Amino acid sequence: MPGLDPLAFPVALTEKTLLRARQRECGVDVAVVEDAFAHHEELLDAIDAAKASLDG
């Protein structure tokens, strides 16, 4: 659709370089994005620890 941001509403994201540039402009640490699995595991561990502290 004309006028819509192609990165906000992608049909199929094929231009990863453009996406990374936009993420950097918005303050995203792209190194974290590139190694997302390790950071996701760390986040899940922190969530589990917070839940456990609330249950106890």
N, C-alpha and C. Protein backbone atom coordinates (compact mmCIF):
# COMPACT_ATOMS: atom_id res chain seq x y z
N MET A 1 0.84 -1.18 0.00
CA MET A 1 0.00 0.00 0.00
C MET A 1 0.88 1.24 0.00
N PRO A 2 0.56 2.20 -0.80
CA PRO A 2 1.34 3.43 -0.84
C PRO A 2 1.30 4.16 0.51
N GLY A 3 2.44 4.69 0.91
CA GLY A 3 2.52 5.47 2.13
C GLY A 3 2.84 4.67 3.38
N LEU A 4 2.79 3.35 3.32
CA LEU A 4 3.13 2.54 4.48
C LEU A 4 4.63 2.25 4.50
N ASP A 5 5.19 2.22 5.68
CA ASP A 5 6.61 1.91 5.86
C ASP A 5 6.81 0.44 5.52
N PRO A 6 7.64 0.11 4.54
CA PRO A 6 7.82 -1.29 4.14
C PRO A 6 8.46 -2.15 5.23
N LEU A 7 9.16 -1.51 6.18
CA LEU A 7 9.74 -2.30 7.27
C LEU A 7 8.75 -2.49 8.42
N ALA A 8 7.80 -1.59 8.54
CA ALA A 8 6.79 -1.74 9.59
C ALA A 8 5.75 -2.78 9.20
N PHE A 9 5.47 -2.87 7.91
CA PHE A 9 4.46 -3.80 7.42
C PHE A 9 5.01 -4.58 6.23
N PRO A 10 6.03 -5.43 6.47
CA PRO A 10 6.63 -6.14 5.34
C PRO A 10 5.76 -7.28 4.84
N VAL A 11 5.69 -7.42 3.53
CA VAL A 11 5.04 -8.59 2.94
C VAL A 11 5.99 -9.76 3.12
N ALA A 12 7.22 -9.56 2.73
CA ALA A 12 8.29 -10.53 2.95
C ALA A 12 9.57 -9.73 3.15
N LEU A 13 10.21 -9.94 4.27
CA LEU A 13 11.41 -9.18 4.57
C LEU A 13 12.59 -9.78 3.84
N THR A 14 13.01 -9.11 2.79
CA THR A 14 14.13 -9.62 2.00
C THR A 14 15.35 -8.72 2.11
N GLU A 15 15.16 -7.48 2.54
CA GLU A 15 16.26 -6.53 2.61
C GLU A 15 16.73 -6.39 4.06
N LYS A 16 17.57 -7.36 4.47
CA LYS A 16 18.05 -7.39 5.85
C LYS A 16 18.96 -6.19 6.14
N THR A 17 19.73 -5.73 5.18
CA THR A 17 20.62 -4.59 5.37
C THR A 17 19.83 -3.34 5.73
N LEU A 18 18.73 -3.11 5.04
CA LEU A 18 17.88 -1.96 5.32
C LEU A 18 17.26 -2.07 6.71
N LEU A 19 16.85 -3.27 7.08
CA LEU A 19 16.28 -3.49 8.41
C LEU A 19 17.31 -3.21 9.49
N ARG A 20 18.53 -3.73 9.34
CA ARG A 20 19.58 -3.50 10.34
C ARG A 20 19.91 -2.01 10.45
N ALA A 21 19.93 -1.31 9.33
CA ALA A 21 20.19 0.14 9.37
C ALA A 21 19.09 0.85 10.15
N ARG A 22 17.84 0.47 9.91
CA ARG A 22 16.72 1.08 10.63
C ARG A 22 16.80 0.75 12.12
N GLN A 23 17.18 -0.48 12.44
CA GLN A 23 17.31 -0.86 13.85
C GLN A 23 18.40 -0.04 14.53
N ARG A 24 19.55 0.15 13.86
CA ARG A 24 20.62 0.98 14.44
C ARG A 24 20.14 2.40 14.67
N GLU A 25 19.41 2.96 13.71
CA GLU A 25 18.87 4.32 13.84
C GLU A 25 17.97 4.45 15.06
N CYS A 26 17.28 3.36 15.40
CA CYS A 26 16.34 3.37 16.53
C CYS A 26 17.00 2.96 17.84
N GLY A 27 18.32 2.74 17.81
CA GLY A 27 19.04 2.44 19.04
C GLY A 27 19.14 0.96 19.38
N VAL A 28 18.79 0.09 18.45
CA VAL A 28 18.88 -1.34 18.71
C VAL A 28 20.34 -1.77 18.62
N ASP A 29 20.78 -2.58 19.57
CA ASP A 29 22.12 -3.15 19.54
C ASP A 29 22.08 -4.33 18.57
N VAL A 30 22.52 -4.11 17.35
CA VAL A 30 22.39 -5.15 16.32
C VAL A 30 23.27 -6.36 16.60
N ALA A 31 24.31 -6.21 17.43
CA ALA A 31 25.11 -7.37 17.81
C ALA A 31 24.25 -8.35 18.61
N VAL A 32 23.36 -7.82 19.43
CA VAL A 32 22.45 -8.65 20.20
C VAL A 32 21.46 -9.34 19.26
N VAL A 33 21.00 -8.62 18.25
CA VAL A 33 20.06 -9.18 17.29
C VAL A 33 20.71 -10.34 16.54
N GLU A 34 21.95 -10.17 16.16
CA GLU A 34 22.64 -11.21 15.40
C GLU A 34 22.89 -12.46 16.24
N ASP A 35 23.03 -12.31 17.56
CA ASP A 35 23.26 -13.44 18.45
C ASP A 35 22.06 -13.60 19.38
N ALA A 36 20.88 -13.58 18.79
CA ALA A 36 19.64 -13.52 19.55
C ALA A 36 19.43 -14.74 20.45
N PHE A 37 19.82 -15.92 20.02
CA PHE A 37 19.54 -17.12 20.81
C PHE A 37 20.16 -17.04 22.19
N ALA A 38 21.43 -16.67 22.27
CA ALA A 38 22.12 -16.60 23.56
C ALA A 38 21.45 -15.56 24.46
N HIS A 39 21.08 -14.44 23.91
CA HIS A 39 20.43 -13.40 24.70
C HIS A 39 19.02 -13.79 25.10
N HIS A 40 18.34 -14.53 24.26
CA HIS A 40 17.00 -15.00 24.57
C HIS A 40 17.04 -15.98 25.74
N GLU A 41 18.01 -16.86 25.73
CA GLU A 41 18.18 -17.81 26.83
C GLU A 41 18.46 -17.06 28.14
N GLU A 42 19.30 -16.04 28.08
CA GLU A 42 19.61 -15.23 29.26
C GLU A 42 18.35 -14.54 29.78
N LEU A 43 17.56 -14.02 28.88
CA LEU A 43 16.31 -13.36 29.27
C LEU A 43 15.34 -14.35 29.92
N LEU A 44 15.21 -15.53 29.34
CA LEU A 44 14.33 -16.55 29.91
C LEU A 44 14.79 -16.95 31.32
N ASP A 45 16.10 -17.05 31.52
CA ASP A 45 16.62 -17.38 32.85
C ASP A 45 16.28 -16.28 33.85
N ALA A 46 16.40 -15.02 33.43
CA ALA A 46 16.07 -13.90 34.31
C ALA A 46 14.58 -13.89 34.65
N ILE A 47 13.75 -14.21 33.69
CA ILE A 47 12.29 -14.28 33.92
C ILE A 47 11.98 -15.40 34.91
N ASP A 48 12.60 -16.56 34.72
CA ASP A 48 12.37 -17.68 35.64
C ASP A 48 12.80 -17.32 37.05
N ALA A 49 13.94 -16.63 37.20
CA ALA A 49 14.41 -16.23 38.51
C ALA A 49 13.46 -15.23 39.16
N ALA A 50 12.94 -14.30 38.38
CA ALA A 50 11.98 -13.32 38.92
C ALA A 50 10.70 -14.00 39.37
N LYS A 51 10.21 -14.94 38.56
CA LYS A 51 9.00 -15.68 38.93
C LYS A 51 9.22 -16.47 40.22
N ALA A 52 10.37 -17.11 40.33
CA ALA A 52 10.67 -17.91 41.52
C ALA A 52 10.74 -17.02 42.76
N SER A 53 11.29 -15.83 42.63
CA SER A 53 11.39 -14.94 43.78
C SER A 53 10.02 -14.44 44.21
N LEU A 54 9.08 -14.33 43.29
CA LEU A 54 7.73 -13.90 43.62
C LEU A 54 6.92 -15.01 44.25
N ASP A 55 7.21 -16.25 43.87
CA ASP A 55 6.50 -17.40 44.41
C ASP A 55 6.92 -17.73 45.84
N GLY A 56 8.18 -17.43 46.17
CA GLY A 56 8.74 -17.83 47.45
C GLY A 56 8.41 -16.92 48.52
